[in-house]
Amino acid sequence: MRWAIRDAVWKTVGKWVDSKARIQENHDKVVAQVKTITEADVAKFEVMDTQMQDGGFVVKVRVSVSKKKIAPKFAEIFPDVFGNE
């Protein structure tokens, strides 16, 4: 589930930051910040489905990412996008 939340945040940050080049330029910093994301950093999440598959679990999660909630973690990397939240 944590991976699903972090993946949703990664994709959302990529949408808010208008340039893929800027994301790539700051890739390591963005990855480091995304790794710190927890359930408390998203607006809400909901487990939609769970299935056992090949000895592991597949979990489908709906994640609502709030710019206001994650802004403090990304403000230093992208101050023009997250700095005024």
C-alpha atoms as a PDB file:
ATOM      1  CA  MET A   1       0.000   0.000   0.000  1.00  0.00           C
ATOM      2  CA  ARG A   2       2.848   2.369   0.807  1.00  0.00           C
ATOM      3  CA  TRP A   3       4.240   1.821  -2.683  1.00  0.00           C
ATOM      4  CA  ALA A   4       0.843   2.708  -4.217  1.00  0.00           C
ATOM      5  CA  ILE A   5       0.696   5.932  -2.211  1.00  0.00           C
ATOM      6  CA  ARG A   6       4.241   6.896  -3.179  1.00  0.00           C
ATOM      7  CA  ASP A   7       3.556   6.077  -6.824  1.00  0.00           C
ATOM      8  CA  ALA A   8       0.463   8.308  -6.774  1.00  0.00           C
ATOM      9  CA  VAL A   9       2.483  11.152  -5.247  1.00  0.00           C
ATOM     10  CA  TRP A  10       5.261  10.708  -7.830  1.00  0.00           C
ATOM     11  CA  LYS A  11       2.771  10.885 -10.703  1.00  0.00           C
ATOM     12  CA  THR A  12       0.985  13.859  -9.189  1.00  0.00           C
ATOM     13  CA  VAL A  13       4.180  15.844  -8.606  1.00  0.00           C
ATOM     14  CA  GLY A  14       5.048  15.136 -12.240  1.00  0.00           C
ATOM     15  CA  LYS A  15       1.733  16.645 -13.328  1.00  0.00           C
ATOM     16  CA  TRP A  16       2.108  19.772 -11.177  1.00  0.00           C
ATOM     17  CA  VAL A  17       5.700  20.366 -12.265  1.00  0.00           C
ATOM     18  CA  ASP A  18       5.167  21.443 -15.849  1.00  0.00           C
ATOM     19  CA  SER A  19       8.394  20.058 -17.295  1.00  0.00           C
ATOM     20  CA  LYS A  20       9.672  16.496 -17.431  1.00  0.00           C
ATOM     21  CA  ALA A  21      13.170  17.945 -17.791  1.00  0.00           C
ATOM     22  CA  ARG A  22      12.791  19.650 -14.392  1.00  0.00           C
ATOM     23  CA  ILE A  23      11.705  16.375 -12.821  1.00  0.00           C
ATOM     24  CA  GLN A  24      14.682  14.536 -14.362  1.00  0.00           C
ATOM     25  CA  GLU A  25      17.070  17.325 -13.343  1.00  0.00           C
ATOM     26  CA  ASN A  26      15.949  16.888  -9.727  1.00  0.00           C
ATOM     27  CA  HIS A  27      15.292  13.141  -9.940  1.00  0.00           C
ATOM     28  CA  ASP A  28      17.349  12.070  -6.927  1.00  0.00           C
ATOM     29  CA  LYS A  29      15.866  14.789  -4.699  1.00  0.00           C
ATOM     30  CA  VAL A  30      12.330  13.961  -5.807  1.00  0.00           C
ATOM     31  CA  VAL A  31      12.877  10.235  -5.236  1.00  0.00           C
ATOM     32  CA  ALA A  32      14.278  10.944  -1.767  1.00  0.00           C
ATOM     33  CA  GLN A  33      11.224  13.047  -0.887  1.00  0.00           C
ATOM     34  CA  VAL A  34       8.751  10.553  -2.313  1.00  0.00           C
ATOM     35  CA  LYS A  35      10.341   7.859  -0.148  1.00  0.00           C
ATOM     36  CA  THR A  36       9.420   9.905   2.938  1.00  0.00           C
ATOM     37  CA  ILE A  37       5.720  10.033   1.995  1.00  0.00           C
ATOM     38  CA  THR A  38       3.383   8.247   4.383  1.00  0.00           C
ATOM     39  CA  GLU A  39      -0.343   7.758   4.647  1.00  0.00           C
ATOM     40  CA  ALA A  40      -0.487  10.991   6.690  1.00  0.00           C
ATOM     41  CA  ASP A  41       0.846  12.984   3.728  1.00  0.00           C
ATOM     42  CA  VAL A  42      -2.071  12.296   1.390  1.00  0.00           C
ATOM     43  CA  ALA A  43      -5.594  13.663   1.642  1.00  0.00           C
ATOM     44  CA  LYS A  44      -7.083  10.188   1.792  1.00  0.00           C
ATOM     45  CA  PHE A  45      -6.669   6.678   0.503  1.00  0.00           C
ATOM     46  CA  GLU A  46      -9.018   3.773   0.122  1.00  0.00           C
ATOM     47  CA  VAL A  47      -8.226   0.107  -0.413  1.00  0.00           C
ATOM     48  CA  MET A  48     -10.392  -0.904  -3.363  1.00  0.00           C
ATOM     49  CA  ASP A  49      -9.406  -4.562  -3.703  1.00  0.00           C
ATOM     50  CA  THR A  50      -6.935  -7.119  -2.410  1.00  0.00           C
ATOM     51  CA  GLN A  51      -5.972 -10.391  -4.018  1.00  0.00           C
ATOM     52  CA  MET A  52      -3.470 -13.085  -3.217  1.00  0.00           C
ATOM     53  CA  GLN A  53      -1.282 -13.777  -6.226  1.00  0.00           C
ATOM     54  CA  ASP A  54       1.814 -15.952  -6.544  1.00  0.00           C
ATOM     55  CA  GLY A  55       2.306 -16.063  -2.789  1.00  0.00           C
ATOM     56  CA  GLY A  56       2.007 -12.292  -2.374  1.00  0.00           C
ATOM     57  CA  PHE A  57      -0.732  -9.696  -2.239  1.00  0.00           C
ATOM     58  CA  VAL A  58      -1.941  -7.356  -4.950  1.00  0.00           C
ATOM     59  CA  VAL A  59      -3.650  -4.317  -3.472  1.00  0.00           C
ATOM     60  CA  LYS A  60      -5.636  -1.800  -5.504  1.00  0.00           C
ATOM     61  CA  VAL A  61      -5.663   1.574  -3.752  1.00  0.00           C
ATOM     62  CA  ARG A  62      -7.404   4.862  -4.638  1.00  0.00           C
ATOM     63  CA  VAL A  63      -5.221   7.732  -3.461  1.00  0.00           C
ATOM     64  CA  SER A  64      -6.215  11.403  -3.248  1.00  0.00           C
ATOM     65  CA  VAL A  65      -3.117  13.598  -3.239  1.00  0.00           C
ATOM     66  CA  SER A  66      -3.492  17.098  -1.825  1.00  0.00           C
ATOM     67  CA  LYS A  67      -1.016  19.692  -3.039  1.00  0.00           C
ATOM     68  CA  LYS A  68      -1.357  21.476   0.289  1.00  0.00           C
ATOM     69  CA  LYS A  69      -0.431  18.327   2.230  1.00  0.00           C
ATOM     70  CA  ILE A  70       2.680  17.441   0.228  1.00  0.00           C
ATOM     71  CA  ALA A  71       3.855  21.007  -0.481  1.00  0.00           C
ATOM     72  CA  PRO A  72       6.161  21.225   2.563  1.00  0.00           C
ATOM     73  CA  LYS A  73       8.122  18.183   1.373  1.00  0.00           C
ATOM     74  CA  PHE A  74       8.648  19.499  -2.156  1.00  0.00           C
ATOM     75  CA  ALA A  75       8.881  23.281  -1.582  1.00  0.00           C
ATOM     76  CA  GLU A  76      12.679  23.310  -1.481  1.00  0.00           C
ATOM     77  CA  ILE A  77      12.983  21.370  -4.753  1.00  0.00           C
ATOM     78  CA  PHE A  78      10.270  23.269  -6.666  1.00  0.00           C
ATOM     79  CA  PRO A  79       9.632  26.536  -4.807  1.00  0.00           C
ATOM     80  CA  ASP A  80       7.691  28.043  -7.716  1.00  0.00           C
ATOM     81  CA  VAL A  81       5.196  25.162  -7.616  1.00  0.00           C
ATOM     82  CA  PHE A  82       5.023  24.261  -3.904  1.00  0.00           C
ATOM     83  CA  GLY A  83       6.546  27.238  -2.107  1.00  0.00           C
ATOM     84  CA  ASN A  84       3.417  29.292  -1.548  1.00  0.00           C
ATOM     85  CA  GLU A  85       1.161  26.603  -0.118  1.00  0.00           C
END
